[in-house]
Protein backbone atom coordinates (compact mmCIF):
# COMPACT_ATOMS: atom_id res chain seq x y z
CA UNK A 1 0.00 0.00 0.00
CA UNK A 2 2.84 2.43 0.86
CA UNK A 3 4.45 1.82 -2.53
CA UNK A 4 1.17 2.57 -4.32
CA UNK A 5 0.65 5.81 -2.38
CA UNK A 6 4.27 6.87 -2.98
CA UNK A 7 3.87 6.31 -6.72
CA UNK A 8 0.66 8.32 -6.73
CA UNK A 9 2.32 11.19 -4.83
CA UNK A 10 5.15 11.24 -7.39
CA UNK A 11 2.58 11.47 -10.20
CA UNK A 12 0.83 14.33 -8.40
CA UNK A 13 4.16 16.13 -7.94
CA UNK A 14 4.91 15.82 -11.65
CA UNK A 15 1.40 17.09 -12.34
CA UNK A 16 2.05 20.10 -10.11
CA UNK A 17 5.11 21.00 -12.12
CA UNK A 18 3.82 20.28 -15.64
CA UNK A 19 0.07 19.82 -15.30
CA UNK A 20 -2.93 22.01 -15.82
CA UNK A 21 -5.15 21.84 -12.71
CA UNK A 22 -4.82 20.83 -9.08
CA UNK A 23 -7.69 20.64 -6.59
CA UNK A 24 -8.45 20.39 -2.88
CA UNK A 25 -11.72 18.81 -1.78
CA UNK A 26 -13.79 18.12 1.28
CA UNK A 27 -15.74 14.86 1.06
CA UNK A 28 -18.77 13.24 2.64
CA UNK A 29 -19.46 9.61 1.68
CA UNK A 30 -22.35 7.32 2.63
CA UNK A 31 -22.29 3.59 1.97
CA UNK A 32 -24.38 0.44 2.28
CA UNK A 33 -21.83 -1.02 4.72
CA UNK A 34 -22.58 -0.70 8.41
CA UNK A 35 -18.85 -0.27 9.06
CA UNK A 36 -18.74 2.82 6.83
CA UNK A 37 -22.10 4.57 7.28
CA UNK A 38 -21.03 8.23 7.41
CA UNK A 39 -17.52 9.10 6.26
CA UNK A 40 -15.85 12.51 6.37
CA UNK A 41 -12.53 13.57 4.93
CA UNK A 42 -10.92 15.13 1.91
CA UNK A 43 -8.38 14.74 -0.82
CA UNK A 44 -6.18 16.22 -3.50
CA UNK A 45 -6.42 15.77 -7.24
CA UNK A 46 -5.01 16.70 -10.61
CA UNK A 47 -6.70 17.09 -14.00
CA UNK A 48 -5.01 16.97 -17.39
CA UNK A 49 -7.09 18.15 -20.34
CA UNK A 50 -6.81 15.83 -23.34
CA UNK A 51 -8.94 18.00 -25.61
CA UNK A 52 -10.61 21.36 -25.05
CA UNK A 53 -13.62 19.65 -23.40
CA UNK A 54 -12.34 16.28 -22.12
CA UNK A 55 -9.90 15.54 -19.33
CA UNK A 56 -8.12 12.78 -17.42
CA UNK A 57 -8.21 13.04 -13.63
CA UNK A 58 -6.21 11.60 -10.72
CA UNK A 59 -7.39 11.75 -7.11
CA UNK A 60 -6.28 10.52 -3.68
CA UNK A 61 -8.71 10.71 -0.76
CA UNK A 62 -8.71 9.91 2.96
CA UNK A 63 -11.91 9.49 5.00
CA UNK A 64 -12.86 8.42 8.53
CA UNK A 65 -16.06 6.87 9.89
CA UNK A 66 -16.76 7.04 13.64
CA UNK A 67 -20.49 6.29 13.66
CA UNK A 68 -21.40 3.64 16.28
CA UNK A 69 -23.43 0.69 15.04
CA UNK A 70 -25.38 -2.35 16.23
CA UNK A 71 -24.96 -5.55 14.24
CA UNK A 72 -26.44 -9.03 14.51
CA UNK A 73 -24.98 -11.77 12.32
CA UNK A 74 -25.14 -15.55 12.08
CA UNK A 75 -22.08 -17.68 11.44
CA UNK A 76 -22.32 -20.10 8.52
CA UNK A 77 -19.72 -22.40 10.09
CA UNK A 78 -21.04 -23.22 13.58
CA UNK A 79 -24.51 -21.55 13.33
CA UNK A 80 -23.80 -19.27 16.30
CA UNK A 81 -25.27 -15.75 16.49
CA UNK A 82 -23.09 -12.73 17.22
CA UNK A 83 -24.55 -9.40 18.36
CA UNK A 84 -22.17 -6.45 18.47
CA UNK A 85 -22.36 -2.84 19.64
CA UNK A 86 -19.31 -1.30 18.02
CA UNK A 87 -17.48 2.01 18.34
CA UNK A 88 -15.49 2.30 15.11
CA UNK A 89 -12.69 4.54 13.99
CA UNK A 90 -12.47 3.07 10.50
CA UNK A 91 -10.36 4.68 7.79
CA UNK A 92 -10.56 4.59 4.01
CA UNK A 93 -7.86 5.54 1.51
CA UNK A 94 -8.86 5.71 -2.16
CA UNK A 95 -6.83 6.24 -5.33
CA UNK A 96 -8.88 7.07 -8.44
CA UNK A 97 -8.45 7.68 -12.15
CA UNK A 98 -11.29 9.29 -14.10
CA UNK A 99 -12.18 10.41 -17.59
CA UNK A 100 -14.86 13.07 -18.04
CA UNK A 101 -16.36 15.32 -20.71
CA UNK A 102 -17.75 18.83 -20.42
CA UNK A 103 -21.34 18.95 -21.65
CA UNK A 104 -21.62 22.75 -21.74
CA UNK A 105 -20.15 25.26 -24.17
CA UNK A 106 -20.18 28.14 -21.70
CA UNK A 107 -16.84 29.71 -20.77
CA UNK A 108 -17.88 30.18 -17.12
CA UNK A 109 -20.06 27.14 -16.34
CA UNK A 110 -18.71 23.59 -16.75
CA UNK A 111 -20.76 20.41 -16.36
CA UNK A 112 -18.64 17.26 -16.47
CA UNK A 113 -19.95 13.72 -16.87
CA UNK A 114 -17.60 10.75 -16.77
CA UNK A 115 -16.47 7.40 -15.44
CA UNK A 116 -13.88 6.48 -12.85
CA UNK A 117 -12.07 3.45 -11.46
CA UNK A 118 -10.29 3.25 -8.12
CA UNK A 119 -8.11 1.15 -5.84
CA UNK A 120 -9.14 1.21 -2.19
CA UNK A 121 -7.60 0.42 1.19
CA UNK A 122 -9.42 0.11 4.52
CA UNK A 123 -8.13 0.19 8.11
CA UNK A 124 -10.68 -1.37 10.48
CA UNK A 125 -10.25 -0.13 14.07
CA UNK A 126 -13.22 -1.10 16.24
CA UNK A 127 -13.95 -1.89 19.87
CA UNK A 128 -17.13 -2.54 21.80
CA UNK A 129 -19.26 -5.24 23.40
CA UNK A 130 -20.54 -8.46 21.89
CA UNK A 131 -22.82 -11.37 22.82
CA UNK A 132 -22.34 -14.80 21.26
CA UNK A 133 -25.17 -17.35 21.35
CA UNK A 134 -24.27 -20.88 20.25
CA UNK A 135 -26.58 -23.32 18.51
CA UNK A 136 -27.05 -25.10 21.84
CA UNK A 137 -28.24 -21.87 23.49
CA UNK A 138 -25.09 -21.04 25.48
CA UNK A 139 -24.54 -17.29 25.83
CA UNK A 140 -21.18 -15.56 26.25
CA UNK A 141 -20.79 -11.78 26.63
CA UNK A 142 -17.71 -9.59 26.67
CA UNK A 143 -15.74 -6.88 24.94
CA UNK A 144 -14.06 -7.17 21.55
CA UNK A 145 -11.36 -5.40 19.54
CA UNK A 146 -11.13 -5.62 15.77
CA UNK A 147 -7.92 -4.35 14.14
CA UNK A 148 -7.65 -5.50 10.53
CA UNK A 149 -6.88 -4.16 7.07
CA UNK A 150 -8.64 -4.75 3.76
CA UNK A 151 -6.41 -3.96 0.79
CA UNK A 152 -6.56 -3.63 -3.00
CA UNK A 153 -10.33 -3.43 -3.43
CA UNK A 154 -11.45 -2.22 -6.85
CA UNK A 155 -14.27 0.27 -7.29
CA UNK A 156 -16.00 1.54 -10.43
CA UNK A 157 -18.39 4.45 -10.73
CA UNK A 158 -19.33 7.67 -12.44
CA UNK A 159 -18.95 11.36 -11.72
CA UNK A 160 -21.19 14.36 -12.22
CA UNK A 161 -19.52 17.70 -11.56
CA UNK A 162 -20.45 21.37 -11.82
CA UNK A 163 -17.74 24.04 -11.84
CA UNK A 164 -17.91 27.84 -11.95
CA UNK A 165 -15.05 29.75 -13.56
CA UNK A 166 -13.86 33.30 -12.77
CA UNK A 167 -15.85 33.59 -9.53
CA UNK A 168 -13.05 33.86 -6.97
CA UNK A 169 -10.30 34.90 -9.37
CA UNK A 170 -9.08 34.04 -12.87
CA UNK A 171 -7.32 30.81 -11.90
CA UNK A 172 -9.29 29.61 -8.84
CA UNK A 173 -12.75 28.08 -9.28
CA UNK A 174 -15.16 26.27 -6.91
CA UNK A 175 -16.88 23.02 -7.85
CA UNK A 176 -19.41 20.46 -6.60
CA UNK A 177 -19.39 16.79 -7.59
CA UNK A 178 -21.33 13.57 -6.98
CA UNK A 179 -19.73 10.14 -7.32
CA UNK A 180 -21.95 7.01 -7.16
CA UNK A 181 -19.76 3.91 -6.95
CA UNK A 182 -19.80 0.13 -6.48
CA UNK A 183 -16.82 -1.49 -4.79
CA UNK A 184 -15.64 -5.03 -4.08
CA UNK A 185 -15.05 -5.70 -0.38
CA UNK A 186 -15.63 -9.16 1.13
CA UNK A 187 -14.31 -12.35 -0.40
CA UNK A 188 -16.95 -14.20 -2.40
CA UNK A 189 -17.80 -17.56 -0.78
CA UNK A 190 -15.78 -16.90 2.41
CA UNK A 191 -17.31 -19.00 5.19
CA UNK A 192 -18.11 -17.39 8.54
CA UNK A 193 -17.79 -13.78 7.39
CA UNK A 194 -20.49 -11.12 7.71
CA UNK A 195 -18.73 -8.70 5.35
CA UNK A 196 -20.63 -7.86 2.14
CA UNK A 197 -19.10 -8.88 -1.18
CA UNK A 198 -20.00 -5.50 -2.72
CA UNK A 199 -20.50 -2.06 -1.16
CA UNK A 200 -22.44 0.77 -2.76
CA UNK A 201 -21.22 4.31 -2.17
CA UNK A 202 -22.52 7.82 -2.76
CA UNK A 203 -19.76 10.40 -2.46
CA UNK A 204 -20.20 14.19 -2.36
CA UNK A 205 -17.26 16.55 -2.97
CA UNK A 206 -16.96 20.31 -2.47
CA UNK A 207 -13.70 21.87 -3.48
CA UNK A 208 -11.60 24.52 -5.14
CA UNK A 209 -9.48 24.09 -8.26
CA UNK A 210 -6.39 26.03 -9.35
CA UNK A 211 -5.38 26.27 -13.02
CA UNK A 212 -1.61 25.83 -13.46
CA UNK A 213 -1.19 25.91 -17.23
CA UNK A 214 -3.04 27.64 -20.01
CA UNK A 215 -6.69 28.25 -19.15
CA UNK A 216 -9.25 26.08 -20.91
């Protein structure tokens, strides 16, 4: 994971020197996973225009979810039931590449529509209380700690973005974007796991963009 992030940072540095746009964003993301219900964070990105209206984008984001949750799951191996009340501090690092096209011909309003693919890394840091009920009816209660990582999960999605030019100054522009996404997570067919195979996401970005090269 460190090697992937280092490579991405080197690409972003090259983009800063020779590229056209860099951006800073604040992000809120909601998902279908109980471990990542409400995620807050941000990221940095770079866009390289391929034509006057199409561009290639690179983005790295970091988000945290600290929303407590209650979960009841049944094991497929020994048929026991596990009930957990968890206090998470789960983290998500995402690296994305996108291609998008501007649908408007206005010089001040840009509406981009495109597709994106990403590589994702998760740090699971949870503690709380759990109750385990066996098939025979025996009940055991106590605390639990879950410290694991989930690496190299692929996500695919789309982006819809609106940007306003020449509002703050000639080279700085605000933008809003929405990113629906589907991501692999749990291992298909893994016995005894309550993790979903796929997670659906809806990501909302608010940010500012700075034009480095010639203005589009």
